[in-house]
């Protein structure tokens, strides 16, 4: 049976992406995030930003009581372009961690963070900007840290988590040939051609001051990452769907040959520093 259900929105388009945009804190409060074009999306007084910032969409975060009867807190986050939050997590400290896509050159990044200058295409809408990573206080009154990550194309995060060291692990897809990778990255160069998509995996320090590791993963066609997890040893697992018949696989893996009419699934495992692809297989 359905225990609780509610609408949340304004007079224009309001969106969220299933499985990526909800989280629950230790008290059972429910957080949702996504994108909105509604300047009248319901807000609560005293939160970080109660005024719509313009452009095609802002990201938002809303906090509901466990029974969905009360909107406890809500805030916009964004700049004058297109902004969409695509992943959310409640940390062990109760703070709210977001990752998303922004075309706003004036997105509210914080001084001293890893990258305070927008790198990508600032047009909008829908996935033509940089990744943003942001941290909000539990009551949504403060944006404590925020940074860009990206290159000159579009960079779209799909999943984010906080590992046992407090680092941000982010994965998604990019067509930026200059997406920032680390010196020891497993794949330092985008393989997907001039316009093609590669997966990316990135690890950002807990303070958002350093990109501690980052790599491409892909072949000569379009490849997309949708899933992410980390085990107790720090190994990073990603999964998604690929069109590349030369997608990187490892010897002895379950399936090293492309099967698909159009796309195959894949599962891959990296070392914690993203220098080694320890296992990778097609699945399809």
C-alpha atoms as a PDB file:
ATOM      1  CA  UNK A   1       0.000   0.000   0.000  1.00  0.00           C
ATOM      2  CA  UNK A   2       1.089   3.598  -0.559  1.00  0.00           C
ATOM      3  CA  UNK A   3       2.037   5.134   2.785  1.00  0.00           C
ATOM      4  CA  UNK A   4       2.408   8.751   1.648  1.00  0.00           C
ATOM      5  CA  UNK A   5       2.508  10.776  -1.532  1.00  0.00           C
ATOM      6  CA  UNK A   6       2.647  14.452  -2.416  1.00  0.00           C
ATOM      7  CA  UNK A   7       3.020  16.879  -5.291  1.00  0.00           C
ATOM      8  CA  UNK A   8       5.847  19.429  -5.214  1.00  0.00           C
ATOM      9  CA  UNK A   9       6.130  22.056  -7.905  1.00  0.00           C
ATOM     10  CA  UNK A  10       5.364  25.491  -9.259  1.00  0.00           C
ATOM     11  CA  UNK A  11       3.693  26.941 -12.322  1.00  0.00           C
ATOM     12  CA  UNK A  12       6.346  25.835 -14.834  1.00  0.00           C
ATOM     13  CA  UNK A  13       8.327  22.648 -15.442  1.00  0.00           C
ATOM     14  CA  UNK A  14       9.749  20.813 -12.423  1.00  0.00           C
ATOM     15  CA  UNK A  15      11.796  17.647 -12.753  1.00  0.00           C
ATOM     16  CA  UNK A  16      13.765  14.991 -10.987  1.00  0.00           C
ATOM     17  CA  UNK A  17      15.548  11.871 -12.137  1.00  0.00           C
ATOM     18  CA  UNK A  18      14.428   8.546 -10.575  1.00  0.00           C
ATOM     19  CA  UNK A  19      16.866   6.714  -8.281  1.00  0.00           C
ATOM     20  CA  UNK A  20      19.397   9.550  -8.402  1.00  0.00           C
ATOM     21  CA  UNK A  21      17.663  12.382  -6.622  1.00  0.00           C
ATOM     22  CA  UNK A  22      16.347  11.312  -3.258  1.00  0.00           C
ATOM     23  CA  UNK A  23      18.008  10.677   0.079  1.00  0.00           C
ATOM     24  CA  UNK A  24      16.922  10.020   3.667  1.00  0.00           C
ATOM     25  CA  UNK A  25      18.651  11.288   6.804  1.00  0.00           C
ATOM     26  CA  UNK A  26      18.988   9.576  10.200  1.00  0.00           C
ATOM     27  CA  UNK A  27      15.643  11.040  11.321  1.00  0.00           C
ATOM     28  CA  UNK A  28      13.778   9.741   8.296  1.00  0.00           C
ATOM     29  CA  UNK A  29      13.469  13.152   6.644  1.00  0.00           C
ATOM     30  CA  UNK A  30      13.327  12.885   2.854  1.00  0.00           C
ATOM     31  CA  UNK A  31      15.387  15.044   0.488  1.00  0.00           C
ATOM     32  CA  UNK A  32      14.705  15.438  -3.212  1.00  0.00           C
ATOM     33  CA  UNK A  33      16.610  17.378  -5.837  1.00  0.00           C
ATOM     34  CA  UNK A  34      16.432  18.065  -9.540  1.00  0.00           C
ATOM     35  CA  UNK A  35      15.743  21.021 -11.789  1.00  0.00           C
ATOM     36  CA  UNK A  36      12.957  23.587 -11.975  1.00  0.00           C
ATOM     37  CA  UNK A  37      11.870  26.387 -14.286  1.00  0.00           C
ATOM     38  CA  UNK A  38       9.307  27.575 -11.705  1.00  0.00           C
ATOM     39  CA  UNK A  39      10.193  30.859 -10.069  1.00  0.00           C
ATOM     40  CA  UNK A  40       7.310  30.146  -7.666  1.00  0.00           C
ATOM     41  CA  UNK A  41       8.523  26.719  -6.566  1.00  0.00           C
ATOM     42  CA  UNK A  42       7.596  26.519  -2.854  1.00  0.00           C
ATOM     43  CA  UNK A  43      10.488  27.711  -0.690  1.00  0.00           C
ATOM     44  CA  UNK A  44      10.914  28.143   3.053  1.00  0.00           C
ATOM     45  CA  UNK A  45      12.147  31.298   4.755  1.00  0.00           C
ATOM     46  CA  UNK A  46      15.776  31.528   5.839  1.00  0.00           C
ATOM     47  CA  UNK A  47      17.220  28.930   3.481  1.00  0.00           C
ATOM     48  CA  UNK A  48      20.283  29.537   1.324  1.00  0.00           C
ATOM     49  CA  UNK A  49      18.507  30.935  -1.753  1.00  0.00           C
ATOM     50  CA  UNK A  50      14.763  31.546  -1.981  1.00  0.00           C
ATOM     51  CA  UNK A  51      14.861  33.491  -5.258  1.00  0.00           C
ATOM     52  CA  UNK A  52      14.946  31.903  -8.696  1.00  0.00           C
ATOM     53  CA  UNK A  53      18.174  32.847 -10.475  1.00  0.00           C
ATOM     54  CA  UNK A  54      16.989  32.881 -14.071  1.00  0.00           C
ATOM     55  CA  UNK A  55      17.902  31.005 -17.212  1.00  0.00           C
ATOM     56  CA  UNK A  56      16.185  27.825 -18.339  1.00  0.00           C
ATOM     57  CA  UNK A  57      16.299  26.122 -14.931  1.00  0.00           C
ATOM     58  CA  UNK A  58      17.720  26.192 -11.427  1.00  0.00           C
ATOM     59  CA  UNK A  59      18.668  23.229  -9.321  1.00  0.00           C
ATOM     60  CA  UNK A  60      16.690  22.858  -6.099  1.00  0.00           C
ATOM     61  CA  UNK A  61      16.746  20.827  -2.887  1.00  0.00           C
ATOM     62  CA  UNK A  62      13.619  20.163  -0.811  1.00  0.00           C
ATOM     63  CA  UNK A  63      13.451  18.496   2.609  1.00  0.00           C
ATOM     64  CA  UNK A  64      10.221  16.811   3.709  1.00  0.00           C
ATOM     65  CA  UNK A  65       9.094  15.266   6.979  1.00  0.00           C
ATOM     66  CA  UNK A  66       8.979  11.448   6.866  1.00  0.00           C
ATOM     67  CA  UNK A  67       5.186  11.449   6.391  1.00  0.00           C
ATOM     68  CA  UNK A  68       5.478  13.995   3.532  1.00  0.00           C
ATOM     69  CA  UNK A  69       3.013  16.299   5.299  1.00  0.00           C
ATOM     70  CA  UNK A  70       5.480  19.118   5.946  1.00  0.00           C
ATOM     71  CA  UNK A  71       7.996  20.874   3.718  1.00  0.00           C
ATOM     72  CA  UNK A  72      10.745  21.464   6.277  1.00  0.00           C
ATOM     73  CA  UNK A  73      13.178  23.357   4.062  1.00  0.00           C
ATOM     74  CA  UNK A  74      13.717  24.167   0.400  1.00  0.00           C
ATOM     75  CA  UNK A  75      16.262  26.162  -1.564  1.00  0.00           C
ATOM     76  CA  UNK A  76      17.254  27.039  -5.099  1.00  0.00           C
ATOM     77  CA  UNK A  77      20.873  26.700  -6.189  1.00  0.00           C
ATOM     78  CA  UNK A  78      22.062  28.061  -9.502  1.00  0.00           C
ATOM     79  CA  UNK A  79      23.130  30.921 -11.714  1.00  0.00           C
ATOM     80  CA  UNK A  80      21.776  32.730 -14.733  1.00  0.00           C
ATOM     81  CA  UNK A  81      21.952  29.712 -17.061  1.00  0.00           C
ATOM     82  CA  UNK A  82      20.717  26.129 -16.902  1.00  0.00           C
ATOM     83  CA  UNK A  83      21.377  24.204 -13.662  1.00  0.00           C
ATOM     84  CA  UNK A  84      20.198  20.700 -12.765  1.00  0.00           C
ATOM     85  CA  UNK A  85      21.059  18.518  -9.788  1.00  0.00           C
ATOM     86  CA  UNK A  86      21.425  14.865 -10.778  1.00  0.00           C
ATOM     87  CA  UNK A  87      22.671  13.149  -7.609  1.00  0.00           C
ATOM     88  CA  UNK A  88      22.228  13.657  -3.868  1.00  0.00           C
ATOM     89  CA  UNK A  89      23.535  12.049  -0.703  1.00  0.00           C
ATOM     90  CA  UNK A  90      23.157  12.745   3.006  1.00  0.00           C
ATOM     91  CA  UNK A  91      26.551  12.418   4.662  1.00  0.00           C
ATOM     92  CA  UNK A  92      27.252  10.884   8.047  1.00  0.00           C
ATOM     93  CA  UNK A  93      27.621  14.486   9.264  1.00  0.00           C
ATOM     94  CA  UNK A  94      24.045  15.254   8.181  1.00  0.00           C
ATOM     95  CA  UNK A  95      25.172  17.638   5.446  1.00  0.00           C
ATOM     96  CA  UNK A  96      23.658  17.415   1.968  1.00  0.00           C
ATOM     97  CA  UNK A  97      25.935  16.635  -0.952  1.00  0.00           C
ATOM     98  CA  UNK A  98      24.888  17.313  -4.537  1.00  0.00           C
ATOM     99  CA  UNK A  99      26.318  16.766  -7.998  1.00  0.00           C
ATOM    100  CA  UNK A 100      24.818  18.184 -11.136  1.00  0.00           C
ATOM    101  CA  UNK A 101      25.265  19.888 -14.451  1.00  0.00           C
ATOM    102  CA  UNK A 102      25.521  23.635 -14.925  1.00  0.00           C
ATOM    103  CA  UNK A 103      25.732  25.966 -17.882  1.00  0.00           C
ATOM    104  CA  UNK A 104      25.925  28.980 -15.563  1.00  0.00           C
ATOM    105  CA  UNK A 105      29.256  30.782 -15.579  1.00  0.00           C
ATOM    106  CA  UNK A 106      28.036  32.517 -12.403  1.00  0.00           C
ATOM    107  CA  UNK A 107      27.068  29.338 -10.550  1.00  0.00           C
ATOM    108  CA  UNK A 108      27.786  30.007  -6.840  1.00  0.00           C
ATOM    109  CA  UNK A 109      31.110  28.226  -6.377  1.00  0.00           C
ATOM    110  CA  UNK A 110      33.027  29.029  -3.202  1.00  0.00           C
ATOM    111  CA  UNK A 111      36.454  30.691  -2.863  1.00  0.00           C
ATOM    112  CA  UNK A 112      39.322  28.236  -2.493  1.00  0.00           C
ATOM    113  CA  UNK A 113      37.490  25.311  -4.024  1.00  0.00           C
ATOM    114  CA  UNK A 114      39.114  23.123  -6.692  1.00  0.00           C
ATOM    115  CA  UNK A 115      37.851  25.096  -9.702  1.00  0.00           C
ATOM    116  CA  UNK A 116      36.037  28.417  -9.485  1.00  0.00           C
ATOM    117  CA  UNK A 117      35.959  29.122 -13.239  1.00  0.00           C
ATOM    118  CA  UNK A 118      33.374  27.586 -15.547  1.00  0.00           C
ATOM    119  CA  UNK A 119      35.156  25.579 -18.260  1.00  0.00           C
ATOM    120  CA  UNK A 120      32.483  24.469 -20.644  1.00  0.00           C
ATOM    121  CA  UNK A 121      29.868  25.481 -23.096  1.00  0.00           C
ATOM    122  CA  UNK A 122      27.648  27.926 -21.202  1.00  0.00           C
ATOM    123  CA  UNK A 123      24.659  27.535 -23.480  1.00  0.00           C
ATOM    124  CA  UNK A 124      21.532  25.830 -22.202  1.00  0.00           C
ATOM    125  CA  UNK A 125      19.581  23.722 -21.658  1.00  0.00           C
ATOM    126  CA  UNK A 126      20.197  20.053 -20.987  1.00  0.00           C
ATOM    127  CA  UNK A 127      23.692  18.937 -20.415  1.00  0.00           C
ATOM    128  CA  UNK A 128      25.967  21.475 -22.038  1.00  0.00           C
ATOM    129  CA  UNK A 129      27.988  22.648 -19.086  1.00  0.00           C
ATOM    130  CA  UNK A 130      30.327  21.633 -16.291  1.00  0.00           C
ATOM    131  CA  UNK A 131      29.827  19.260 -13.418  1.00  0.00           C
ATOM    132  CA  UNK A 132      29.125  21.029 -10.154  1.00  0.00           C
ATOM    133  CA  UNK A 133      29.594  19.529  -6.698  1.00  0.00           C
ATOM    134  CA  UNK A 134      28.068  21.306  -3.707  1.00  0.00           C
ATOM    135  CA  UNK A 135      27.646  20.818   0.043  1.00  0.00           C
ATOM    136  CA  UNK A 136      24.697  22.312   1.967  1.00  0.00           C
ATOM    137  CA  UNK A 137      24.001  22.425   5.687  1.00  0.00           C
ATOM    138  CA  UNK A 138      21.314  20.006   6.951  1.00  0.00           C
ATOM    139  CA  UNK A 139      18.763  22.821   7.306  1.00  0.00           C
ATOM    140  CA  UNK A 140      19.614  24.088   3.800  1.00  0.00           C
ATOM    141  CA  UNK A 141      20.543  27.540   5.103  1.00  0.00           C
ATOM    142  CA  UNK A 142      24.206  27.504   4.041  1.00  0.00           C
ATOM    143  CA  UNK A 143      26.114  26.561   0.908  1.00  0.00           C
ATOM    144  CA  UNK A 144      29.380  25.608   2.585  1.00  0.00           C
ATOM    145  CA  UNK A 145      31.412  24.521  -0.455  1.00  0.00           C
ATOM    146  CA  UNK A 146      30.899  24.256  -4.201  1.00  0.00           C
ATOM    147  CA  UNK A 147      33.145  23.724  -7.207  1.00  0.00           C
ATOM    148  CA  UNK A 148      33.124  23.199 -10.952  1.00  0.00           C
ATOM    149  CA  UNK A 149      34.715  20.151 -12.600  1.00  0.00           C
ATOM    150  CA  UNK A 150      34.919  19.910 -16.356  1.00  0.00           C
ATOM    151  CA  UNK A 151      36.325  20.676 -19.763  1.00  0.00           C
ATOM    152  CA  UNK A 152      35.295  22.721 -22.784  1.00  0.00           C
ATOM    153  CA  UNK A 153      32.482  20.395 -23.862  1.00  0.00           C
ATOM    154  CA  UNK A 154      29.633  19.037 -21.778  1.00  0.00           C
ATOM    155  CA  UNK A 155      30.232  17.027 -18.621  1.00  0.00           C
ATOM    156  CA  UNK A 156      27.288  15.266 -17.013  1.00  0.00           C
ATOM    157  CA  UNK A 157      27.436  13.462 -13.653  1.00  0.00           C
ATOM    158  CA  UNK A 158      25.035  10.580 -13.099  1.00  0.00           C
ATOM    159  CA  UNK A 159      26.034   9.201  -9.683  1.00  0.00           C
ATOM    160  CA  UNK A 160      27.952  10.472  -6.663  1.00  0.00           C
ATOM    161  CA  UNK A 161      28.824   8.985  -3.286  1.00  0.00           C
ATOM    162  CA  UNK A 162      30.976   9.822  -0.280  1.00  0.00           C
ATOM    163  CA  UNK A 163      33.599   7.157   0.437  1.00  0.00           C
ATOM    164  CA  UNK A 164      34.979   6.150   3.847  1.00  0.00           C
ATOM    165  CA  UNK A 165      37.659   8.858   3.587  1.00  0.00           C
ATOM    166  CA  UNK A 166      35.060  11.570   3.057  1.00  0.00           C
ATOM    167  CA  UNK A 167      36.032  12.031  -0.584  1.00  0.00           C
ATOM    168  CA  UNK A 168      33.476  12.612  -3.326  1.00  0.00           C
ATOM    169  CA  UNK A 169      33.419   9.886  -5.966  1.00  0.00           C
ATOM    170  CA  UNK A 170      31.571  10.971  -9.114  1.00  0.00           C
ATOM    171  CA  UNK A 171      30.866   9.247 -12.405  1.00  0.00           C
ATOM    172  CA  UNK A 172      29.052  10.179 -15.568  1.00  0.00           C
ATOM    173  CA  UNK A 173      29.863  10.930 -19.189  1.00  0.00           C
ATOM    174  CA  UNK A 174      31.674  13.680 -21.090  1.00  0.00           C
ATOM    175  CA  UNK A 175      32.524  14.777 -24.595  1.00  0.00           C
ATOM    176  CA  UNK A 176      35.257  17.134 -23.319  1.00  0.00           C
ATOM    177  CA  UNK A 177      38.619  16.058 -24.672  1.00  0.00           C
ATOM    178  CA  UNK A 178      40.181  18.308 -22.034  1.00  0.00           C
ATOM    179  CA  UNK A 179      38.255  16.928 -19.052  1.00  0.00           C
ATOM    180  CA  UNK A 180      40.788  17.059 -16.187  1.00  0.00           C
ATOM    181  CA  UNK A 181      42.413  13.690 -15.507  1.00  0.00           C
ATOM    182  CA  UNK A 182      45.114  12.785 -13.007  1.00  0.00           C
ATOM    183  CA  UNK A 183      48.759  12.098 -13.876  1.00  0.00           C
ATOM    184  CA  UNK A 184      48.373   8.370 -13.177  1.00  0.00           C
ATOM    185  CA  UNK A 185      44.924   7.981 -14.759  1.00  0.00           C
ATOM    186  CA  UNK A 186      44.144   4.615 -16.320  1.00  0.00           C
ATOM    187  CA  UNK A 187      42.952   6.347 -19.525  1.00  0.00           C
ATOM    188  CA  UNK A 188      44.319   9.850 -19.961  1.00  0.00           C
ATOM    189  CA  UNK A 189      42.768  10.550 -23.385  1.00  0.00           C
ATOM    190  CA  UNK A 190      39.142  10.571 -24.485  1.00  0.00           C
ATOM    191  CA  UNK A 191      38.657   7.786 -27.023  1.00  0.00           C
ATOM    192  CA  UNK A 192      35.168   8.673 -28.229  1.00  0.00           C
ATOM    193  CA  UNK A 193      36.132  10.863 -31.139  1.00  0.00           C
ATOM    194  CA  UNK A 194      35.553  14.570 -31.692  1.00  0.00           C
ATOM    195  CA  UNK A 195      31.927  14.544 -30.500  1.00  0.00           C
ATOM    196  CA  UNK A 196      31.672  11.127 -28.879  1.00  0.00           C
ATOM    197  CA  UNK A 197      31.044  10.377 -25.235  1.00  0.00           C
ATOM    198  CA  UNK A 198      33.358   8.613 -22.795  1.00  0.00           C
ATOM    199  CA  UNK A 199      32.603   7.664 -19.239  1.00  0.00           C
ATOM    200  CA  UNK A 200      34.515   9.520 -16.558  1.00  0.00           C
ATOM    201  CA  UNK A 201      35.270   8.753 -12.926  1.00  0.00           C
ATOM    202  CA  UNK A 202      36.583  11.451 -10.588  1.00  0.00           C
ATOM    203  CA  UNK A 203      37.569  11.622  -6.918  1.00  0.00           C
ATOM    204  CA  UNK A 204      37.392  15.031  -5.231  1.00  0.00           C
ATOM    205  CA  UNK A 205      38.946  15.715  -1.837  1.00  0.00           C
ATOM    206  CA  UNK A 206      36.679  16.065   1.188  1.00  0.00           C
ATOM    207  CA  UNK A 207      37.396  19.818   1.345  1.00  0.00           C
ATOM    208  CA  UNK A 208      36.685  20.192  -2.427  1.00  0.00           C
ATOM    209  CA  UNK A 209      40.132  21.720  -2.864  1.00  0.00           C
ATOM    210  CA  UNK A 210      41.805  18.987  -4.946  1.00  0.00           C
ATOM    211  CA  UNK A 211      40.868  16.593  -7.706  1.00  0.00           C
ATOM    212  CA  UNK A 212      42.780  13.647  -6.293  1.00  0.00           C
ATOM    213  CA  UNK A 213      42.079  11.227  -9.160  1.00  0.00           C
ATOM    214  CA  UNK A 214      40.205  11.219 -12.458  1.00  0.00           C
ATOM    215  CA  UNK A 215      40.104   9.109 -15.601  1.00  0.00           C
ATOM    216  CA  UNK A 216      38.246   8.543 -18.826  1.00  0.00           C
ATOM    217  CA  UNK A 217      36.883   5.104 -19.658  1.00  0.00           C
ATOM    218  CA  UNK A 218      35.663   4.381 -23.141  1.00  0.00           C
ATOM    219  CA  UNK A 219      36.191   3.297 -26.695  1.00  0.00           C
ATOM    220  CA  UNK A 220      35.773   4.856 -30.103  1.00  0.00           C
ATOM    221  CA  UNK A 221      31.957   5.182 -29.950  1.00  0.00           C
ATOM    222  CA  UNK A 222      29.535   6.578 -27.328  1.00  0.00           C
ATOM    223  CA  UNK A 223      29.784   5.133 -23.822  1.00  0.00           C
ATOM    224  CA  UNK A 224      27.696   6.154 -20.809  1.00  0.00           C
ATOM    225  CA  UNK A 225      28.024   5.419 -17.096  1.00  0.00           C
ATOM    226  CA  UNK A 226      24.916   5.153 -14.911  1.00  0.00           C
ATOM    227  CA  UNK A 227      25.943   3.238 -11.761  1.00  0.00           C
ATOM    228  CA  UNK A 228      28.551   3.592  -9.009  1.00  0.00           C
ATOM    229  CA  UNK A 229      29.585   1.887  -5.786  1.00  0.00           C
ATOM    230  CA  UNK A 230      32.706   1.536  -3.629  1.00  0.00           C
ATOM    231  CA  UNK A 231      33.691  -1.483  -1.528  1.00  0.00           C
ATOM    232  CA  UNK A 232      35.391  -1.521   1.875  1.00  0.00           C
ATOM    233  CA  UNK A 233      38.814  -1.769   0.223  1.00  0.00           C
ATOM    234  CA  UNK A 234      38.164   1.431  -1.713  1.00  0.00           C
ATOM    235  CA  UNK A 235      37.786  -0.213  -5.121  1.00  0.00           C
ATOM    236  CA  UNK A 236      35.477   1.789  -7.382  1.00  0.00           C
ATOM    237  CA  UNK A 237      32.844  -0.022  -9.453  1.00  0.00           C
ATOM    238  CA  UNK A 238      30.927   1.576 -12.307  1.00  0.00           C
ATOM    239  CA  UNK A 239      28.328   0.278 -14.726  1.00  0.00           C
ATOM    240  CA  UNK A 240      26.406   1.521 -17.709  1.00  0.00           C
ATOM    241  CA  UNK A 241      25.867   1.030 -21.410  1.00  0.00           C
ATOM    242  CA  UNK A 242      28.277   1.269 -24.310  1.00  0.00           C
ATOM    243  CA  UNK A 243      28.322   1.345 -28.087  1.00  0.00           C
ATOM    244  CA  UNK A 244      32.094   0.891 -28.456  1.00  0.00           C
ATOM    245  CA  UNK A 245      33.183  -2.467 -29.776  1.00  0.00           C
ATOM    246  CA  UNK A 246      36.655  -1.613 -28.433  1.00  0.00           C
ATOM    247  CA  UNK A 247      35.494  -0.682 -24.922  1.00  0.00           C
ATOM    248  CA  UNK A 248      38.261  -1.632 -22.443  1.00  0.00           C
ATOM    249  CA  UNK A 249      37.807  -5.130 -20.980  1.00  0.00           C
ATOM    250  CA  UNK A 250      40.224  -7.283 -19.006  1.00  0.00           C
ATOM    251  CA  UNK A 251      41.621 -10.714 -19.774  1.00  0.00           C
ATOM    252  CA  UNK A 252      39.537 -13.511 -18.257  1.00  0.00           C
ATOM    253  CA  UNK A 253      36.489 -11.299 -17.683  1.00  0.00           C
ATOM    254  CA  UNK A 254      33.036 -12.790 -18.185  1.00  0.00           C
ATOM    255  CA  UNK A 255      32.585 -11.346 -21.698  1.00  0.00           C
ATOM    256  CA  UNK A 256      35.304  -9.546 -23.638  1.00  0.00           C
ATOM    257  CA  UNK A 257      33.392  -9.345 -26.933  1.00  0.00           C
ATOM    258  CA  UNK A 258      30.770  -6.785 -27.891  1.00  0.00           C
ATOM    259  CA  UNK A 259      27.358  -8.427 -28.382  1.00  0.00           C
ATOM    260  CA  UNK A 260      24.932  -5.643 -29.023  1.00  0.00           C
ATOM    261  CA  UNK A 261      22.823  -4.639 -31.949  1.00  0.00           C
ATOM    262  CA  UNK A 262      23.147  -1.077 -30.671  1.00  0.00           C
ATOM    263  CA  UNK A 263      24.336  -1.063 -27.043  1.00  0.00           C
ATOM    264  CA  UNK A 264      25.814  -3.505 -24.520  1.00  0.00           C
ATOM    265  CA  UNK A 265      25.905  -3.137 -20.774  1.00  0.00           C
ATOM    266  CA  UNK A 266      29.227  -3.091 -18.940  1.00  0.00           C
ATOM    267  CA  UNK A 267      30.621  -3.423 -15.421  1.00  0.00           C
ATOM    268  CA  UNK A 268      34.131  -2.205 -14.531  1.00  0.00           C
ATOM    269  CA  UNK A 269      36.274  -2.039 -11.406  1.00  0.00           C
ATOM    270  CA  UNK A 270      39.089   0.426 -10.711  1.00  0.00           C
ATOM    271  CA  UNK A 271      41.726   0.758  -8.034  1.00  0.00           C
ATOM    272  CA  UNK A 272      40.959   3.560  -5.590  1.00  0.00           C
ATOM    273  CA  UNK A 273      43.400   5.939  -7.297  1.00  0.00           C
ATOM    274  CA  UNK A 274      41.891   5.211 -10.742  1.00  0.00           C
ATOM    275  CA  UNK A 275      45.285   4.161 -12.104  1.00  0.00           C
ATOM    276  CA  UNK A 276      44.372   0.532 -12.747  1.00  0.00           C
ATOM    277  CA  UNK A 277      41.384  -1.091 -14.416  1.00  0.00           C
ATOM    278  CA  UNK A 278      41.351  -4.278 -12.352  1.00  0.00           C
ATOM    279  CA  UNK A 279      38.345  -5.889 -14.052  1.00  0.00           C
ATOM    280  CA  UNK A 280      35.950  -4.992 -16.874  1.00  0.00           C
ATOM    281  CA  UNK A 281      33.357  -6.896 -18.855  1.00  0.00           C
ATOM    282  CA  UNK A 282      30.605  -6.448 -21.371  1.00  0.00           C
ATOM    283  CA  UNK A 283      27.187  -7.703 -20.370  1.00  0.00           C
ATOM    284  CA  UNK A 284      24.649  -8.051 -23.122  1.00  0.00           C
END
